[in-house]
Amino acid sequence: MTRHILLIASLSALVAGLSLPAAAPAQESVATVAAATDSAAIQPITVDGSTLIGQLAYDPATSTLYVQMTFSTDWYGYAGVPAEEYAAFLAAESKGAFFNTHIRNHYPEQRWEP
């Protein structure tokens, strides 16, 4: 429950344009997202307890959601994802089920390679 509150607070700060310190993910992952978005300010969030989703990042300036699966080091970008959809994704009990129902095949996907 505390993790959900922290994630929602982090999302609120992102949407409001504030910068909060984030948990330090693997440097390769940060570099991958930064290269994909040309923005070093976007910090991935590690998703605990999901068998499908490993990390998430969101760029509110471009409404792009970045997803890294647990089984790969590759990142996928989904264009046109509203901030409210990202907030619902963060709050979802099952990130994999939410992804499969609301994101995959609903938004244009582009694969990002390290």
Protein backbone atom coordinates (compact mmCIF):
# COMPACT_ATOMS: atom_id res chain seq x y z
CA MET A 1 0.00 0.00 0.00
CA THR A 2 2.82 2.43 0.86
CA ARG A 3 4.50 1.70 -2.50
CA HIS A 4 1.27 2.60 -4.32
CA ILE A 5 1.04 5.89 -2.43
CA LEU A 6 4.67 6.71 -3.28
CA LEU A 7 4.11 5.84 -6.95
CA ILE A 8 0.99 8.00 -7.14
CA ALA A 9 2.83 10.87 -5.42
CA SER A 10 5.68 10.49 -7.91
CA LEU A 11 3.22 10.54 -10.82
CA SER A 12 1.50 13.63 -9.45
CA ALA A 13 4.87 15.37 -9.22
CA LEU A 14 5.74 14.33 -12.79
CA VAL A 15 2.45 15.63 -14.13
CA ALA A 16 2.91 18.86 -12.19
CA GLY A 17 6.40 19.22 -13.69
CA LEU A 18 8.26 18.74 -10.42
CA SER A 19 11.36 16.64 -10.04
CA LEU A 20 11.44 14.03 -7.28
CA PRO A 21 14.36 11.80 -6.45
CA ALA A 22 13.67 8.29 -7.73
CA ALA A 23 15.02 4.91 -6.78
CA ALA A 24 18.26 4.31 -8.66
CA PRO A 25 17.63 1.71 -11.37
CA ALA A 26 20.40 0.02 -13.33
CA GLN A 27 22.48 2.62 -15.18
CA GLU A 28 21.98 0.84 -18.50
CA SER A 29 18.21 1.21 -18.16
CA VAL A 30 18.44 4.91 -17.36
CA ALA A 31 20.76 5.46 -20.31
CA THR A 32 18.42 3.55 -22.61
CA VAL A 33 15.38 5.62 -21.71
CA ALA A 34 17.36 8.87 -21.80
CA ALA A 35 18.69 8.04 -25.27
CA ALA A 36 15.25 7.04 -26.48
CA THR A 37 13.62 10.25 -25.30
CA ASP A 38 16.53 12.72 -25.47
CA SER A 39 15.62 13.60 -21.88
CA ALA A 40 17.82 12.62 -18.95
CA ALA A 41 15.11 13.86 -16.55
CA ILE A 42 12.89 10.82 -17.14
CA GLN A 43 13.63 8.19 -14.52
CA PRO A 44 12.36 4.60 -14.80
CA ILE A 45 10.29 3.14 -11.98
CA THR A 46 11.02 -0.48 -11.08
CA VAL A 47 7.83 -2.54 -10.90
CA ASP A 48 7.95 -5.07 -8.05
CA GLY A 49 5.88 -8.23 -8.12
CA SER A 50 5.00 -8.27 -11.83
CA THR A 51 5.94 -11.25 -13.96
CA LEU A 52 5.56 -9.19 -17.17
CA ILE A 53 6.48 -5.56 -16.49
CA GLY A 54 10.00 -4.84 -15.20
CA GLN A 55 10.23 -1.05 -15.38
CA LEU A 56 8.12 1.91 -16.48
CA ALA A 57 8.92 5.49 -17.43
CA TYR A 58 6.68 8.28 -18.64
CA ASP A 59 7.43 11.47 -20.53
CA PRO A 60 4.59 13.95 -19.87
CA ALA A 61 5.99 16.36 -22.49
CA THR A 62 5.36 13.83 -25.28
CA SER A 63 2.72 11.63 -23.57
CA THR A 64 4.98 8.64 -24.21
CA LEU A 65 4.97 5.60 -21.95
CA TYR A 66 8.13 3.48 -21.90
CA VAL A 67 7.94 -0.15 -20.79
CA GLN A 68 10.65 -2.72 -20.17
CA MET A 69 9.52 -6.31 -19.83
CA THR A 70 10.91 -8.61 -17.16
CA PHE A 71 12.23 -11.02 -19.80
CA SER A 72 14.18 -8.46 -21.85
CA THR A 73 16.48 -5.46 -21.63
CA ASP A 74 14.68 -3.81 -24.55
CA TRP A 75 12.36 -0.84 -24.02
CA TYR A 76 9.11 -0.21 -25.88
CA GLY A 77 7.63 3.26 -26.32
CA TYR A 78 3.87 3.84 -26.56
CA ALA A 79 2.93 7.23 -28.02
CA GLY A 80 -0.12 9.26 -27.03
CA VAL A 81 -0.71 7.74 -23.59
CA PRO A 82 -2.55 10.30 -21.43
CA ALA A 83 -1.18 11.02 -17.94
CA GLU A 84 -4.43 9.67 -16.46
CA GLU A 85 -3.86 6.33 -18.20
CA TYR A 86 -0.32 6.21 -16.79
CA ALA A 87 -1.69 6.97 -13.31
CA ALA A 88 -4.20 4.13 -13.66
CA PHE A 89 -1.36 1.84 -14.82
CA LEU A 90 0.66 2.68 -11.71
CA ALA A 91 -2.35 2.10 -9.46
CA ALA A 92 -3.38 -1.19 -11.10
CA GLU A 93 -3.15 -4.26 -8.90
CA SER A 94 -1.88 -6.31 -11.86
CA LYS A 95 0.46 -4.30 -14.10
CA GLY A 96 0.63 -7.10 -16.68
CA ALA A 97 -3.16 -7.39 -16.97
CA PHE A 98 -3.51 -3.60 -17.24
CA PHE A 99 -0.81 -3.47 -19.90
CA ASN A 100 -2.42 -6.22 -21.97
CA THR A 101 -5.91 -4.72 -21.65
CA HIS A 102 -5.27 -0.97 -21.89
CA ILE A 103 -1.86 -0.31 -23.49
CA ARG A 104 -0.77 -3.10 -25.85
CA ASN A 105 -2.48 -2.78 -29.24
CA HIS A 106 -4.16 0.49 -28.13
CA TYR A 107 -1.24 2.88 -28.68
CA PRO A 108 1.43 3.00 -31.40
CA GLU A 109 4.43 0.96 -30.27
CA GLN A 110 8.08 1.50 -31.11
CA ARG A 111 10.88 -0.72 -29.91
CA TRP A 112 13.87 0.98 -28.29
CA GLU A 113 17.14 -0.92 -28.27
CA PRO A 114 20.11 -0.18 -26.01
